C-alpha atoms as a PDB file:
ATOM      1  CA  UNK A   1     -23.898  38.829 -18.200  1.00  0.00           C
ATOM      2  CA  UNK A   2     -26.208  36.117 -18.340  1.00  0.00           C
ATOM      3  CA  UNK A   3     -25.134  32.897 -17.582  1.00  0.00           C
ATOM      4  CA  UNK A   4     -25.968  29.569 -19.542  1.00  0.00           C
ATOM      5  CA  UNK A   5     -28.589  28.192 -17.441  1.00  0.00           C
ATOM      6  CA  UNK A   6     -30.234  31.696 -17.586  1.00  0.00           C
ATOM      7  CA  UNK A   7     -29.845  31.945 -21.697  1.00  0.00           C
ATOM      8  CA  UNK A   8     -31.732  28.046 -21.665  1.00  0.00           C
ATOM      9  CA  UNK A   9     -34.581  29.325 -19.341  1.00  0.00           C
ATOM     10  CA  UNK A  10     -35.603  32.293 -21.787  1.00  0.00           C
ATOM     11  CA  UNK A  11     -35.731  29.852 -24.860  1.00  0.00           C
ATOM     12  CA  UNK A  12     -37.483  27.303 -23.004  1.00  0.00           C
ATOM     13  CA  UNK A  13     -40.435  29.745 -21.352  1.00  0.00           C
ATOM     14  CA  UNK A  14     -40.489  31.237 -24.807  1.00  0.00           C
ATOM     15  CA  UNK A  15     -41.081  27.857 -26.312  1.00  0.00           C
ATOM     16  CA  UNK A  16     -43.620  27.837 -23.727  1.00  0.00           C
ATOM     17  CA  UNK A  17     -45.383  31.097 -24.653  1.00  0.00           C
ATOM     18  CA  UNK A  18     -44.422  32.793 -22.387  1.00  0.00           C
ATOM     19  CA  UNK A  19     -44.591  36.982 -23.171  1.00  0.00           C
ATOM     20  CA  UNK A  20     -40.882  38.767 -23.280  1.00  0.00           C
ATOM     21  CA  UNK A  21     -42.255  40.860 -20.142  1.00  0.00           C
ATOM     22  CA  UNK A  22     -43.177  37.545 -18.282  1.00  0.00           C
ATOM     23  CA  UNK A  23     -39.748  36.021 -18.958  1.00  0.00           C
ATOM     24  CA  UNK A  24     -38.192  39.164 -17.966  1.00  0.00           C
ATOM     25  CA  UNK A  25     -40.053  39.018 -14.658  1.00  0.00           C
ATOM     26  CA  UNK A  26     -39.420  35.227 -13.763  1.00  0.00           C
ATOM     27  CA  UNK A  27     -35.595  35.675 -14.497  1.00  0.00           C
ATOM     28  CA  UNK A  28     -35.177  39.605 -12.993  1.00  0.00           C
ATOM     29  CA  UNK A  29     -33.858  40.622 -16.615  1.00  0.00           C
ATOM     30  CA  UNK A  30     -35.148  43.101 -18.874  1.00  0.00           C
ATOM     31  CA  UNK A  31     -37.396  42.258 -21.050  1.00  0.00           C
ATOM     32  CA  UNK A  32     -34.597  43.885 -24.090  1.00  0.00           C
ATOM     33  CA  UNK A  33     -32.085  41.300 -22.493  1.00  0.00           C
ATOM     34  CA  UNK A  34     -35.095  38.603 -23.699  1.00  0.00           C
ATOM     35  CA  UNK A  35     -35.997  39.985 -26.714  1.00  0.00           C
ATOM     36  CA  UNK A  36     -32.193  40.404 -27.890  1.00  0.00           C
ATOM     37  CA  UNK A  37     -30.995  36.708 -26.836  1.00  0.00           C
ATOM     38  CA  UNK A  38     -34.403  35.540 -28.988  1.00  0.00           C
ATOM     39  CA  UNK A  39     -33.664  37.529 -31.840  1.00  0.00           C
ATOM     40  CA  UNK A  40     -30.049  35.469 -31.737  1.00  0.00           C
ATOM     41  CA  UNK A  41     -30.315  32.239 -30.928  1.00  0.00           C
ATOM     42  CA  UNK A  42     -27.328  31.058 -31.953  1.00  0.00           C
ATOM     43  CA  UNK A  43     -25.141  33.754 -29.355  1.00  0.00           C
ATOM     44  CA  UNK A  44     -24.119  31.996 -26.215  1.00  0.00           C
ATOM     45  CA  UNK A  45     -22.804  33.280 -23.190  1.00  0.00           C
ATOM     46  CA  UNK A  46     -18.855  32.987 -22.254  1.00  0.00           C
ATOM     47  CA  UNK A  47     -17.869  33.449 -18.411  1.00  0.00           C
ATOM     48  CA  UNK A  48     -14.427  35.216 -18.182  1.00  0.00           C
ATOM     49  CA  UNK A  49     -11.883  32.884 -16.379  1.00  0.00           C
ATOM     50  CA  UNK A  50     -12.085  33.346 -11.895  1.00  0.00           C
ATOM     51  CA  UNK A  51      -9.073  33.819 -10.120  1.00  0.00           C
ATOM     52  CA  UNK A  52      -7.660  30.977  -8.777  1.00  0.00           C
ATOM     53  CA  UNK A  53      -8.401  31.101  -4.985  1.00  0.00           C
ATOM     54  CA  UNK A  54      -5.138  30.511  -2.655  1.00  0.00           C
ATOM     55  CA  UNK A  55      -6.154  26.771  -0.959  1.00  0.00           C
ATOM     56  CA  UNK A  56      -4.682  25.093   2.070  1.00  0.00           C
ATOM     57  CA  UNK A  57      -2.732  22.792  -0.221  1.00  0.00           C
ATOM     58  CA  UNK A  58      -0.999  25.187  -2.254  1.00  0.00           C
ATOM     59  CA  UNK A  59       1.601  25.463   0.241  1.00  0.00           C
ATOM     60  CA  UNK A  60       2.465  21.964  -0.080  1.00  0.00           C
ATOM     61  CA  UNK A  61       2.233  21.624  -4.042  1.00  0.00           C
ATOM     62  CA  UNK A  62       5.549  21.668  -4.753  1.00  0.00           C
ATOM     63  CA  UNK A  63       6.353  19.584  -2.294  1.00  0.00           C
ATOM     64  CA  UNK A  64       3.786  17.163  -3.453  1.00  0.00           C
ATOM     65  CA  UNK A  65       5.177  17.399  -7.138  1.00  0.00           C
ATOM     66  CA  UNK A  66       8.596  16.945  -6.335  1.00  0.00           C
ATOM     67  CA  UNK A  67       7.704  13.985  -3.851  1.00  0.00           C
ATOM     68  CA  UNK A  68       5.516  12.506  -7.572  1.00  0.00           C
ATOM     69  CA  UNK A  69       8.721  13.213  -9.364  1.00  0.00           C
ATOM     70  CA  UNK A  70      11.367  11.808  -7.175  1.00  0.00           C
ATOM     71  CA  UNK A  71       9.058   8.256  -7.324  1.00  0.00           C
ATOM     72  CA  UNK A  72       8.682   7.563 -10.559  1.00  0.00           C
ATOM     73  CA  UNK A  73       7.423   5.749 -11.801  1.00  0.00           C
ATOM     74  CA  UNK A  74       5.844   4.503  -8.956  1.00  0.00           C
ATOM     75  CA  UNK A  75       3.684   6.008  -7.330  1.00  0.00           C
ATOM     76  CA  UNK A  76       3.867   7.039  -3.543  1.00  0.00           C
ATOM     77  CA  UNK A  77       0.056   6.706  -1.693  1.00  0.00           C
ATOM     78  CA  UNK A  78      -2.218   9.499  -1.037  1.00  0.00           C
ATOM     79  CA  UNK A  79      -2.127   8.105   2.446  1.00  0.00           C
ATOM     80  CA  UNK A  80       1.695   8.417   2.964  1.00  0.00           C
ATOM     81  CA  UNK A  81       1.268  11.698   1.674  1.00  0.00           C
ATOM     82  CA  UNK A  82      -0.936  13.246   3.594  1.00  0.00           C
ATOM     83  CA  UNK A  83       1.340  11.923   6.932  1.00  0.00           C
ATOM     84  CA  UNK A  84       4.322  14.220   4.924  1.00  0.00           C
ATOM     85  CA  UNK A  85       2.571  17.055   4.448  1.00  0.00           C
ATOM     86  CA  UNK A  86       0.485  16.843   7.936  1.00  0.00           C
ATOM     87  CA  UNK A  87       4.076  16.965   9.758  1.00  0.00           C
ATOM     88  CA  UNK A  88       5.163  19.996   7.637  1.00  0.00           C
ATOM     89  CA  UNK A  89       2.058  21.938   8.734  1.00  0.00           C
ATOM     90  CA  UNK A  90      -1.038  20.807   6.646  1.00  0.00           C
ATOM     91  CA  UNK A  91      -4.522  20.905   7.898  1.00  0.00           C
ATOM     92  CA  UNK A  92      -6.663  20.585   5.321  1.00  0.00           C
ATOM     93  CA  UNK A  93      -8.321  17.890   4.480  1.00  0.00           C
ATOM     94  CA  UNK A  94      -7.739  14.045   2.519  1.00  0.00           C
ATOM     95  CA  UNK A  95     -10.076  14.911  -0.183  1.00  0.00           C
ATOM     96  CA  UNK A  96      -8.196  18.287  -0.987  1.00  0.00           C
ATOM     97  CA  UNK A  97      -5.304  16.342  -1.785  1.00  0.00           C
ATOM     98  CA  UNK A  98      -6.603  13.245  -2.902  1.00  0.00           C
ATOM     99  CA  UNK A  99      -8.654  15.747  -6.093  1.00  0.00           C
ATOM    100  CA  UNK A 100      -4.887  17.469  -6.684  1.00  0.00           C
ATOM    101  CA  UNK A 101      -3.067  14.259  -7.306  1.00  0.00           C
ATOM    102  CA  UNK A 102      -5.832  13.014  -9.687  1.00  0.00           C
ATOM    103  CA  UNK A 103      -3.989  14.908 -12.392  1.00  0.00           C
ATOM    104  CA  UNK A 104      -0.924  13.041 -12.191  1.00  0.00           C
ATOM    105  CA  UNK A 105      -1.783   9.267 -11.530  1.00  0.00           C
ATOM    106  CA  UNK A 106      -2.528   7.086 -14.086  1.00  0.00           C
ATOM    107  CA  UNK A 107      -5.553   4.723 -13.775  1.00  0.00           C
ATOM    108  CA  UNK A 108      -5.356   0.774 -13.152  1.00  0.00           C
ATOM    109  CA  UNK A 109      -6.662  -1.899 -14.744  1.00  0.00           C
ATOM    110  CA  UNK A 110      -8.979  -3.254 -12.147  1.00  0.00           C
ATOM    111  CA  UNK A 111      -8.566  -6.523 -10.569  1.00  0.00           C
ATOM    112  CA  UNK A 112     -10.948  -8.346  -8.819  1.00  0.00           C
ATOM    113  CA  UNK A 113     -10.133 -10.919  -5.670  1.00  0.00           C
ATOM    114  CA  UNK A 114     -11.516 -13.347  -4.329  1.00  0.00           C
ATOM    115  CA  UNK A 115     -10.806 -13.733  -0.773  1.00  0.00           C
ATOM    116  CA  UNK A 116     -10.707 -16.620   1.833  1.00  0.00           C
ATOM    117  CA  UNK A 117     -11.151 -15.974   5.549  1.00  0.00           C
ATOM    118  CA  UNK A 118      -9.818 -18.116   8.233  1.00  0.00           C
ATOM    119  CA  UNK A 119      -9.831 -18.625  12.294  1.00  0.00           C
ATOM    120  CA  UNK A 120      -7.264 -16.619  14.191  1.00  0.00           C
ATOM    121  CA  UNK A 121      -4.111 -18.961  14.860  1.00  0.00           C
ATOM    122  CA  UNK A 122      -5.161 -21.048  11.535  1.00  0.00           C
ATOM    123  CA  UNK A 123      -3.027 -19.574   8.811  1.00  0.00           C
ATOM    124  CA  UNK A 124       0.045 -17.861   8.105  1.00  0.00           C
ATOM    125  CA  UNK A 125       0.629 -16.760   4.516  1.00  0.00           C
ATOM    126  CA  UNK A 126       4.747 -16.779   3.346  1.00  0.00           C
ATOM    127  CA  UNK A 127       5.793 -14.971   0.340  1.00  0.00           C
ATOM    128  CA  UNK A 128       8.997 -13.593  -1.800  1.00  0.00           C
ATOM    129  CA  UNK A 129       8.307 -10.114  -3.723  1.00  0.00           C
ATOM    130  CA  UNK A 130      10.843  -8.468  -5.596  1.00  0.00           C
ATOM    131  CA  UNK A 131      11.805  -4.792  -5.371  1.00  0.00           C
ATOM    132  CA  UNK A 132      13.729  -3.535  -8.082  1.00  0.00           C
ATOM    133  CA  UNK A 133      15.408   0.029  -7.749  1.00  0.00           C
ATOM    134  CA  UNK A 134      17.767   1.660  -9.671  1.00  0.00           C
ATOM    135  CA  UNK A 135      18.981  -1.038 -11.517  1.00  0.00           C
ATOM    136  CA  UNK A 136      19.739  -2.611  -8.184  1.00  0.00           C
ATOM    137  CA  UNK A 137      17.360  -5.957  -6.863  1.00  0.00           C
ATOM    138  CA  UNK A 138      16.588  -7.173  -3.573  1.00  0.00           C
ATOM    139  CA  UNK A 139      14.255  -9.352  -2.153  1.00  0.00           C
ATOM    140  CA  UNK A 140      11.571  -9.128   0.369  1.00  0.00           C
ATOM    141  CA  UNK A 141      10.505 -12.138   2.615  1.00  0.00           C
ATOM    142  CA  UNK A 142       6.555 -11.136   3.557  1.00  0.00           C
ATOM    143  CA  UNK A 143       4.931 -13.480   6.177  1.00  0.00           C
ATOM    144  CA  UNK A 144       1.100 -12.231   7.003  1.00  0.00           C
ATOM    145  CA  UNK A 145      -1.323 -13.555   9.384  1.00  0.00           C
ATOM    146  CA  UNK A 146      -4.448 -14.297   7.385  1.00  0.00           C
ATOM    147  CA  UNK A 147      -6.499 -13.449  10.407  1.00  0.00           C
ATOM    148  CA  UNK A 148      -5.522 -10.256  11.459  1.00  0.00           C
ATOM    149  CA  UNK A 149      -3.399  -9.011   8.674  1.00  0.00           C
ATOM    150  CA  UNK A 150      -1.003  -8.363  10.739  1.00  0.00           C
ATOM    151  CA  UNK A 151       2.552  -8.729   8.830  1.00  0.00           C
ATOM    152  CA  UNK A 152       6.411  -9.134   9.438  1.00  0.00           C
ATOM    153  CA  UNK A 153       9.216  -8.482   6.462  1.00  0.00           C
ATOM    154  CA  UNK A 154      12.866  -9.172   6.132  1.00  0.00           C
ATOM    155  CA  UNK A 155      14.321  -8.460   3.347  1.00  0.00           C
ATOM    156  CA  UNK A 156      17.528  -9.912   1.661  1.00  0.00           C
ATOM    157  CA  UNK A 157      20.055  -9.859  -1.725  1.00  0.00           C
ATOM    158  CA  UNK A 158      18.444 -13.957  -2.508  1.00  0.00           C
ATOM    159  CA  UNK A 159      15.951 -15.890  -1.868  1.00  0.00           C
ATOM    160  CA  UNK A 160      17.459 -19.029  -0.889  1.00  0.00           C
ATOM    161  CA  UNK A 161      16.034 -22.007   1.254  1.00  0.00           C
ATOM    162  CA  UNK A 162      17.986 -20.246   4.416  1.00  0.00           C
ATOM    163  CA  UNK A 163      16.389 -17.184   3.405  1.00  0.00           C
ATOM    164  CA  UNK A 164      12.730 -18.767   3.869  1.00  0.00           C
ATOM    165  CA  UNK A 165      13.771 -20.790   7.327  1.00  0.00           C
ATOM    166  CA  UNK A 166      15.312 -17.349   8.869  1.00  0.00           C
ATOM    167  CA  UNK A 167      12.192 -15.744   7.444  1.00  0.00           C
ATOM    168  CA  UNK A 168      10.144 -18.227   8.785  1.00  0.00           C
ATOM    169  CA  UNK A 169      11.770 -18.154  12.336  1.00  0.00           C
ATOM    170  CA  UNK A 170      11.688 -14.439  12.861  1.00  0.00           C
ATOM    171  CA  UNK A 171       8.481 -13.966  12.037  1.00  0.00           C
ATOM    172  CA  UNK A 172       7.674 -16.535  14.470  1.00  0.00           C
ATOM    173  CA  UNK A 173       9.218 -15.098  17.210  1.00  0.00           C
ATOM    174  CA  UNK A 174       7.892 -11.227  16.107  1.00  0.00           C
ATOM    175  CA  UNK A 175       4.021 -13.056  16.591  1.00  0.00           C
ATOM    176  CA  UNK A 176       5.156 -14.761  19.593  1.00  0.00           C
ATOM    177  CA  UNK A 177       3.690 -17.557  18.498  1.00  0.00           C
ATOM    178  CA  UNK A 178       3.281 -20.449  15.502  1.00  0.00           C
ATOM    179  CA  UNK A 179      -0.022 -20.834  12.969  1.00  0.00           C
ATOM    180  CA  UNK A 180      -1.073 -24.512  12.398  1.00  0.00           C
ATOM    181  CA  UNK A 181      -0.655 -24.066   8.674  1.00  0.00           C
ATOM    182  CA  UNK A 182       2.353 -21.926   6.390  1.00  0.00           C
ATOM    183  CA  UNK A 183       1.094 -21.341   2.688  1.00  0.00           C
ATOM    184  CA  UNK A 184       3.507 -21.223   0.652  1.00  0.00           C
ATOM    185  CA  UNK A 185       4.351 -20.433  -2.980  1.00  0.00           C
ATOM    186  CA  UNK A 186       5.615 -23.031  -5.420  1.00  0.00           C
ATOM    187  CA  UNK A 187       8.956 -22.785  -4.942  1.00  0.00           C
ATOM    188  CA  UNK A 188      11.787 -24.837  -6.344  1.00  0.00           C
ATOM    189  CA  UNK A 189      13.858 -23.965  -3.342  1.00  0.00           C
ATOM    190  CA  UNK A 190      11.174 -25.322  -0.808  1.00  0.00           C
ATOM    191  CA  UNK A 191       9.071 -28.051  -2.308  1.00  0.00           C
ATOM    192  CA  UNK A 192      10.675 -30.951  -4.574  1.00  0.00           C
ATOM    193  CA  UNK A 193       8.056 -32.520  -6.351  1.00  0.00           C
ATOM    194  CA  UNK A 194       4.264 -31.415  -6.803  1.00  0.00           C
ATOM    195  CA  UNK A 195       1.489 -33.943  -5.537  1.00  0.00           C
ATOM    196  CA  UNK A 196       4.246 -36.451  -5.270  1.00  0.00           C
ATOM    197  CA  UNK A 197       2.189 -39.009  -3.084  1.00  0.00           C
ATOM    198  CA  UNK A 198      -1.634 -37.586  -4.895  1.00  0.00           C
ATOM    199  CA  UNK A 199      -3.900 -34.540  -5.195  1.00  0.00           C
ATOM    200  CA  UNK A 200      -2.014 -31.881  -2.682  1.00  0.00           C
ATOM    201  CA  UNK A 201      -0.054 -34.251  -0.831  1.00  0.00           C
ATOM    202  CA  UNK A 202       3.734 -32.604  -1.904  1.00  0.00           C
ATOM    203  CA  UNK A 203       7.085 -34.167  -1.521  1.00  0.00           C
ATOM    204  CA  UNK A 204       8.624 -31.241   0.658  1.00  0.00           C
ATOM    205  CA  UNK A 205      12.830 -29.986   0.786  1.00  0.00           C
ATOM    206  CA  UNK A 206      13.876 -31.705   3.688  1.00  0.00           C
ATOM    207  CA  UNK A 207      15.132 -29.005   5.752  1.00  0.00           C
ATOM    208  CA  UNK A 208      12.021 -27.157   5.582  1.00  0.00           C
ATOM    209  CA  UNK A 209      10.087 -30.353   6.441  1.00  0.00           C
ATOM    210  CA  UNK A 210      12.605 -30.493   9.839  1.00  0.00           C
ATOM    211  CA  UNK A 211      11.934 -27.224  10.571  1.00  0.00           C
ATOM    212  CA  UNK A 212       7.898 -27.548  10.325  1.00  0.00           C
ATOM    213  CA  UNK A 213       8.205 -30.586  12.946  1.00  0.00           C
ATOM    214  CA  UNK A 214      10.389 -28.201  14.938  1.00  0.00           C
ATOM    215  CA  UNK A 215       8.195 -26.051  15.092  1.00  0.00           C
ATOM    216  CA  UNK A 216       4.787 -27.745  14.458  1.00  0.00           C
ATOM    217  CA  UNK A 217       3.405 -26.175  11.469  1.00  0.00           C
ATOM    218  CA  UNK A 218       2.194 -28.255   8.230  1.00  0.00           C
ATOM    219  CA  UNK A 219       3.015 -26.637   5.091  1.00  0.00           C
ATOM    220  CA  UNK A 220       0.795 -26.163   2.249  1.00  0.00           C
ATOM    221  CA  UNK A 221       0.971 -24.966  -1.379  1.00  0.00           C
ATOM    222  CA  UNK A 222      -1.217 -22.687  -2.807  1.00  0.00           C
ATOM    223  CA  UNK A 223      -2.528 -24.412  -6.252  1.00  0.00           C
ATOM    224  CA  UNK A 224      -0.784 -23.663  -9.872  1.00  0.00           C
ATOM    225  CA  UNK A 225      -1.715 -20.886 -11.778  1.00  0.00           C
ATOM    226  CA  UNK A 226      -3.630 -19.061  -8.623  1.00  0.00           C
ATOM    227  CA  UNK A 227      -1.138 -16.891  -7.227  1.00  0.00           C
ATOM    228  CA  UNK A 228      -4.057 -15.315  -5.357  1.00  0.00           C
ATOM    229  CA  UNK A 229      -5.251 -18.293  -3.313  1.00  0.00           C
ATOM    230  CA  UNK A 230      -2.183 -16.119  -1.266  1.00  0.00           C
ATOM    231  CA  UNK A 231      -4.388 -12.419  -1.764  1.00  0.00           C
ATOM    232  CA  UNK A 232      -3.519 -12.060   1.601  1.00  0.00           C
ATOM    233  CA  UNK A 233       0.147 -11.844   1.701  1.00  0.00           C
ATOM    234  CA  UNK A 234       0.177 -10.610  -2.330  1.00  0.00           C
ATOM    235  CA  UNK A 235      -2.022  -7.996  -1.152  1.00  0.00           C
ATOM    236  CA  UNK A 236       0.207  -6.427   1.133  1.00  0.00           C
ATOM    237  CA  UNK A 237       3.466  -6.990  -0.846  1.00  0.00           C
ATOM    238  CA  UNK A 238       1.920  -4.249  -3.409  1.00  0.00           C
ATOM    239  CA  UNK A 239       0.812  -2.148  -0.093  1.00  0.00           C
ATOM    240  CA  UNK A 240       4.676  -2.651   0.499  1.00  0.00           C
ATOM    241  CA  UNK A 241       6.206  -1.289  -2.057  1.00  0.00           C
ATOM    242  CA  UNK A 242       3.724   2.032  -2.383  1.00  0.00           C
ATOM    243  CA  UNK A 243       3.968   3.121   0.923  1.00  0.00           C
ATOM    244  CA  UNK A 244       6.837   2.273   2.472  1.00  0.00           C
ATOM    245  CA  UNK A 245       9.888   1.211  -0.120  1.00  0.00           C
ATOM    246  CA  UNK A 246       8.743   4.054  -2.791  1.00  0.00           C
ATOM    247  CA  UNK A 247       8.568   6.998  -0.386  1.00  0.00           C
ATOM    248  CA  UNK A 248      11.745   5.670   1.294  1.00  0.00           C
ATOM    249  CA  UNK A 249      13.691   4.886  -2.338  1.00  0.00           C
ATOM    250  CA  UNK A 250      12.515   8.499  -2.580  1.00  0.00           C
ATOM    251  CA  UNK A 251      13.827  10.120   0.257  1.00  0.00           C
ATOM    252  CA  UNK A 252      17.287   8.998  -0.338  1.00  0.00           C
ATOM    253  CA  UNK A 253      17.407   9.733  -3.701  1.00  0.00           C
ATOM    254  CA  UNK A 254      16.135  13.567  -3.022  1.00  0.00           C
ATOM    255  CA  UNK A 255      19.156  13.537  -0.658  1.00  0.00           C
ATOM    256  CA  UNK A 256      21.693  11.619  -2.914  1.00  0.00           C
ATOM    257  CA  UNK A 257      21.676   8.055  -0.601  1.00  0.00           C
ATOM    258  CA  UNK A 258      21.288   4.756  -1.884  1.00  0.00           C
ATOM    259  CA  UNK A 259      18.594   2.525  -0.932  1.00  0.00           C
ATOM    260  CA  UNK A 260      19.690  -1.087   0.254  1.00  0.00           C
ATOM    261  CA  UNK A 261      19.108  -4.258   1.824  1.00  0.00           C
ATOM    262  CA  UNK A 262      20.435  -2.179   4.932  1.00  0.00           C
ATOM    263  CA  UNK A 263      18.771   1.041   4.958  1.00  0.00           C
ATOM    264  CA  UNK A 264      15.478  -1.081   4.252  1.00  0.00           C
ATOM    265  CA  UNK A 265      15.765  -3.234   7.032  1.00  0.00           C
ATOM    266  CA  UNK A 266      16.902  -0.557   9.574  1.00  0.00           C
ATOM    267  CA  UNK A 267      13.928   0.773   8.992  1.00  0.00           C
ATOM    268  CA  UNK A 268      11.217  -1.704   8.315  1.00  0.00           C
ATOM    269  CA  UNK A 269      10.373  -2.427  11.995  1.00  0.00           C
ATOM    270  CA  UNK A 270       9.003   1.222  13.106  1.00  0.00           C
ATOM    271  CA  UNK A 271       7.176   0.992   9.905  1.00  0.00           C
ATOM    272  CA  UNK A 272       5.629  -2.038  10.607  1.00  0.00           C
ATOM    273  CA  UNK A 273       4.490  -0.502  13.911  1.00  0.00           C
ATOM    274  CA  UNK A 274       3.398   2.464  13.774  1.00  0.00           C
ATOM    275  CA  UNK A 275       1.732   2.684  10.557  1.00  0.00           C
ATOM    276  CA  UNK A 276       1.406  -0.767   8.349  1.00  0.00           C
ATOM    277  CA  UNK A 277      -0.705  -2.309  12.169  1.00  0.00           C
ATOM    278  CA  UNK A 278      -1.982   0.984  13.245  1.00  0.00           C
ATOM    279  CA  UNK A 279      -4.076   1.534   9.629  1.00  0.00           C
ATOM    280  CA  UNK A 280      -7.572   0.564   9.654  1.00  0.00           C
ATOM    281  CA  UNK A 281      -7.357  -2.525   6.411  1.00  0.00           C
ATOM    282  CA  UNK A 282      -9.882  -2.361   3.560  1.00  0.00           C
ATOM    283  CA  UNK A 283     -11.061  -5.763   4.354  1.00  0.00           C
ATOM    284  CA  UNK A 284     -11.235  -6.708   7.995  1.00  0.00           C
ATOM    285  CA  UNK A 285     -12.069  -3.136   8.582  1.00  0.00           C
ATOM    286  CA  UNK A 286     -10.208  -2.625  11.994  1.00  0.00           C
ATOM    287  CA  UNK A 287      -6.272  -2.228  12.813  1.00  0.00           C
ATOM    288  CA  UNK A 288      -3.778  -5.559  12.141  1.00  0.00           C
ATOM    289  CA  UNK A 289      -2.092  -4.336  15.238  1.00  0.00           C
ATOM    290  CA  UNK A 290      -5.722  -4.639  17.462  1.00  0.00           C
ATOM    291  CA  UNK A 291      -6.711  -7.830  15.388  1.00  0.00           C
ATOM    292  CA  UNK A 292      -2.820  -9.697  16.414  1.00  0.00           C
ATOM    293  CA  UNK A 293      -3.453  -8.842  19.796  1.00  0.00           C
ATOM    294  CA  UNK A 294      -6.837 -11.068  19.986  1.00  0.00           C
ATOM    295  CA  UNK A 295      -4.879 -13.742  17.533  1.00  0.00           C
ATOM    296  CA  UNK A 296      -1.957 -14.305  20.125  1.00  0.00           C
ATOM    297  CA  UNK A 297      -4.160 -16.457  22.159  1.00  0.00           C
ATOM    298  CA  UNK A 298      -4.854 -18.622  19.850  1.00  0.00           C
ATOM    299  CA  UNK A 299      -0.986 -19.134  18.301  1.00  0.00           C
ATOM    300  CA  UNK A 300       0.931 -22.403  19.538  1.00  0.00           C
ATOM    301  CA  UNK A 301       3.501 -21.758  22.166  1.00  0.00           C
ATOM    302  CA  UNK A 302       6.856 -20.711  20.346  1.00  0.00           C
ATOM    303  CA  UNK A 303       9.453 -23.640  21.145  1.00  0.00           C
ATOM    304  CA  UNK A 304      10.594 -24.294  24.542  1.00  0.00           C
ATOM    305  CA  UNK A 305      14.665 -21.772  25.019  1.00  0.00           C
ATOM    306  CA  UNK A 306      16.123 -25.496  25.899  1.00  0.00           C
ATOM    307  CA  UNK A 307      15.973 -26.999  22.130  1.00  0.00           C
ATOM    308  CA  UNK A 308      17.894 -23.969  20.640  1.00  0.00           C
ATOM    309  CA  UNK A 309      17.513 -22.306  17.540  1.00  0.00           C
ATOM    310  CA  UNK A 310      17.805 -24.789  14.124  1.00  0.00           C
ATOM    311  CA  UNK A 311      18.816 -21.383  11.587  1.00  0.00           C
ATOM    312  CA  UNK A 312      22.157 -20.645  12.041  1.00  0.00           C
ATOM    313  CA  UNK A 313      23.529 -19.185   9.128  1.00  0.00           C
ATOM    314  CA  UNK A 314      24.888 -16.290   9.103  1.00  0.00           C
ATOM    315  CA  UNK A 315      24.555 -14.999   5.180  1.00  0.00           C
ATOM    316  CA  UNK A 316      20.943 -14.363   6.159  1.00  0.00           C
ATOM    317  CA  UNK A 317      21.395 -12.093   9.592  1.00  0.00           C
ATOM    318  CA  UNK A 318      20.306  -8.992   9.396  1.00  0.00           C
ATOM    319  CA  UNK A 319      22.791  -6.511   8.418  1.00  0.00           C
ATOM    320  CA  UNK A 320      24.377  -4.732  11.960  1.00  0.00           C
ATOM    321  CA  UNK A 321      23.744  -0.943  12.589  1.00  0.00           C
ATOM    322  CA  UNK A 322      27.062  -0.366  11.878  1.00  0.00           C
ATOM    323  CA  UNK A 323      27.151  -1.295   8.023  1.00  0.00           C
ATOM    324  CA  UNK A 324      24.881   1.564   7.166  1.00  0.00           C
ATOM    325  CA  UNK A 325      26.129   4.065   4.799  1.00  0.00           C
ATOM    326  CA  UNK A 326      26.180   6.747   7.461  1.00  0.00           C
ATOM    327  CA  UNK A 327      24.791   6.947  11.362  1.00  0.00           C
ATOM    328  CA  UNK A 328      21.038   5.405  11.515  1.00  0.00           C
ATOM    329  CA  UNK A 329      20.640   9.281  13.089  1.00  0.00           C
ATOM    330  CA  UNK A 330      20.872  10.607  10.097  1.00  0.00           C
ATOM    331  CA  UNK A 331      18.241   8.286   8.301  1.00  0.00           C
ATOM    332  CA  UNK A 332      16.352   9.428  11.136  1.00  0.00           C
ATOM    333  CA  UNK A 333      16.600  12.712  11.031  1.00  0.00           C
ATOM    334  CA  UNK A 334      16.640  12.763   7.398  1.00  0.00           C
ATOM    335  CA  UNK A 335      13.241  11.112   7.242  1.00  0.00           C
ATOM    336  CA  UNK A 336      11.475  12.113  10.382  1.00  0.00           C
ATOM    337  CA  UNK A 337       7.675  12.651   9.740  1.00  0.00           C
ATOM    338  CA  UNK A 338       7.576  10.532   6.703  1.00  0.00           C
ATOM    339  CA  UNK A 339       7.082   7.056   7.385  1.00  0.00           C
END
């Protein structure tokens, strides 16, 4: 049977003045075939459906569909799903996986961002992100070093002044030092009045000022209606939800377990260390862990041990492992190979 491309060649060569014999010779077909198709110009060859060939991804397609359904209305990135099926034995490529997932993913609107780079040790961007899962709301304190893109995360039920200060204190301890500036959003819990003493000279909460003095950083605020000034931490918020929150919540849902603050805090540390900080960052082109090791040399030292810690509210402290719904080993076994 002729292909559609051969049919086009027959008509094109005929219009160019070639004889049926010459057309048949060039295309390797019979003269009668050429004659028949030229006599019926509206006839087009049809292709029979090919039997689908088995692919390396085939054994994992049911699992992928189940994961996609469990994550709805959110989306688990291909990189996360790749790690999950790779742990189950998949030895195919990422391209094949992305092509398969594309039929299930809804298109996203373009959101161009202008980025401003800073020197190592210069700036820490902090924010609280809202997380909604099954009618339950929780907060995620996110602190991202602007140079290395290394990030600290702590989850809580609320967003109070003590939650901000506790998050900052833990972030400085996590990074091993203090940046020159900390960039905040215009949160009412930490800023009393914007531009109170002139443009860019804000009236901060007294507790924050004492905290900043103790640790040795200058608080800064992003410009109103320009949340993208904090683009580095904003972009990580999206990555956090897609690559950590959604897969973890979907795994728990599939096994009838509840997603809450204590579970999230129990797993965020290993995920930051082994996944988030080991990925090749889309902007820097390097692993955040590698750049963090460089940036630590430029951070200001933490306050001396003799001064003690100034955040003492127990309400903000991490939930003990003993308060989890099940022993931590249950979650480790459940999520092995997924996070």
